[in-house]
Amino acid sequence: MIGKRLRLVYNPNAGRRRLTGQLDTVIRIFQESGYEVCVHRGGSPEDIENIASQSMDVERLIIAGGDGSIHQAVNGLLKISAEKRPTLGILPVGTANDLAYALRLPKSIPEACKVIAKGKTFEMDTGKFNDRYFVNVASAGLLTDVSQKVDIRVKNTLGQLAYFLKGLETLPSFRPFQVEFEHDGRQYREEVVLFMVANGLSVGGLRQLVPRASLTDGKLDVLMVPSAGWPETLRLLLSVLSGEKADTEKIMEFQTAAELTVRTDRPIRSDLDGESGPESTWHIKIGPKISVLY
């Protein structure tokens, strides 16, 4: 008997258009699980955020897309009061699918639908970067805005390889920048090529990039790669990307539940979950928890 309401919002361009050929299967599985299904085609990132912010009329909001689509949906959902906010479900059809990896969701769309239909939930941390929320990572510096610059057609054709190829293009023109902030009684003033605040353990398809990060611990993981001359800087970046950063003491890492105010020596753009984020100065803290199906 149909009694529960579910809204499915999908990004038609995500992950080589994986969902479009299985849309009927998705709707069938949800209907057979007792849901009345409303389908919305996300025409733009702003559209996804807007429809999420108006989803007080459903019990479940299901996002079929990548991490950018989830980012927009979370920012929309957090405009709704906690008592009226629907539970978030994820169909991982993007390129990197970092959050889906952290939640161990099946890669198969029908199997992911079955997970959602079971209705098991947990309360997930979010991070806040000025007035925007993030789920996986907030970052600035080298390689961090690559996903914004990669053409959707190239990304769908090459997958994660597109990120690395585009990232290499940025190396010759990149300028390190200075960050300054206080944490745990210590004043930090460092020239860096990468500044990252992680909530999840996978970033940009790089698994276990921040292995101790947790989606439920109420803490954010801060990572900084200092500028040390290009040969050494590249070595440090490779150690981060390969997950072997424990081998060097030059990479700075710490966990925090405290609010940070980070200033830079010039205006620096940020990236939130692969989407364009605010320009520095940055006020960073743990955001509200959000209920997620897994």
Foldseek 3Di string as FASTA:
>chain_A
DADAEEEEEEECLAQLSVCPVCVVVLVVLLVVLRYDYHYHYQPDLQSLLQVLLVPLPGQEYEYEHALSSVQSNVQSQVNDDPVSGHAYAYQHRHQQRQVCVLVVADPDRNSSSVLVSVPDKDWFWWKDKPHGIFQFKKKFAQLQQQLVVQDSVVCNVPRLVSSVVSSVVCPVPGDWWWKWKDDPRDTDTATFRMKMKGQGQDASNQHNLPVVHHRPPLKIKIKTQGDDDVVVSVVCVVCSSNVNNVVDPRIDMDIDQDKMFMAIPDWTWMAGSNHTDDTDRIIMHMDGIGMYGD
